[in-house]
Structures are given as structure tokens and as C-alpha cells.
């Protein structure tokens, strides 16, 4: 059973008022549709639940618990900030989440960082997301990592051995490898997945 009626009444809205808030020029909503969905006389799809959630200012799971992230196999990966795919840059914290199919991300502590810059544009465009597993910190040749320098600046690069270095993966020839061993760096985690910009 969905919670639309309770959420609507909490706002003090009639079915007609809710229908007006949900209507667009391309997709008008009639109040009788609201009535049928509230009484479960018409199936509540995820698309309809999303429209209700947007109009009521709540989450889809609050509209109907069967659409909770766990129920539909979605993992809400926290977006912790930005990571430079260019020169070192200061990480900026955010308070967002990135919903991904649970089959794609099984690591319990994984988090996302939004990619800026073009030094990794063969792997991820700016505006994409690097999904990082902080439990994988052993550097393996050819794998991508997020690392932080002593000034708490972060970068996203490919680790290479012999000599140890962080290498860009870019079409821009201005980006050069960063040698390791000259100054301390901390491995934040291995990049396990890259998601294109939303």
C-alpha cells in the first residue's frame, strides 16, 4: 500500500491540487488518476512514484516503501567531493549520493568522487564519477587510484611501476606523470568503476 493519501493530506492538498502540481503541458494529470492510485485501483509504477515524490517533496521510498533503494536493488553511493583528473587540487566535500545498481557496487565502503579536469579523459570525462574502494590500497601496476599529497590535495591517476609514478591517461599532451617517492602521498583507494556524467 502506498502512502500518497497520507502525504497529500499532510500538505493539506486535495486530489485536484496534487494533480495540478504534478501536471505538465506534455503530461497532464487528472485528479481521478490520483484517486485510483491512492486506492490501489491503478498500479503505481516507479515513474508515477517519482512524479508523486517530486510534487510532494519527498523520496520515492516515502511514497511507496517497495521502491526503497534496498527493495529495488540500488546502492546509494555517497559522493564525498571532487577529485582532480589534472594537477593536484583541493578536495571539496559535498552531501550528495549517486544511486547505482547494487550489482555494480558491492564494496560496503565505496564512495564516489566527481571528476574534474582532463588528465584522465581516456578513462573519464570531467563531470563523471570515480567510484573508489578505500579498502583497496595496495598499488597494482596499471590500475587507477585516488591519492592525496601532504597538502591534502587529491588526484586521480593510473599507477605505474619502474619507476613508480602516477600517470595521466589523456589526449592532452600537457599532462605529465607524477613521480612517487619524492614527497609523501596517501592512497585514498582504488577506482573500481567510472560512471559517465549524469
Foldseek 3Di string as FASTA:
>chain_A
DFCLVVLCVVVVHDLQRLQVLLADPVRHGHSVVVVCVVVVVDDCDLVNLVSSCVSSVHDSCNGPVCPPCVNVQKDWAFAQFAAELAPWDATDGDGGTDIDHCVLDVQPNKHKHAYDDFLAVVAADHQKIFIFRQVAQDQDAQFWFWKAFPVNTIHIFGFHVPPTWGHTNGPDPVGGIGGPDPGDMGTRGTRSDMGYHD
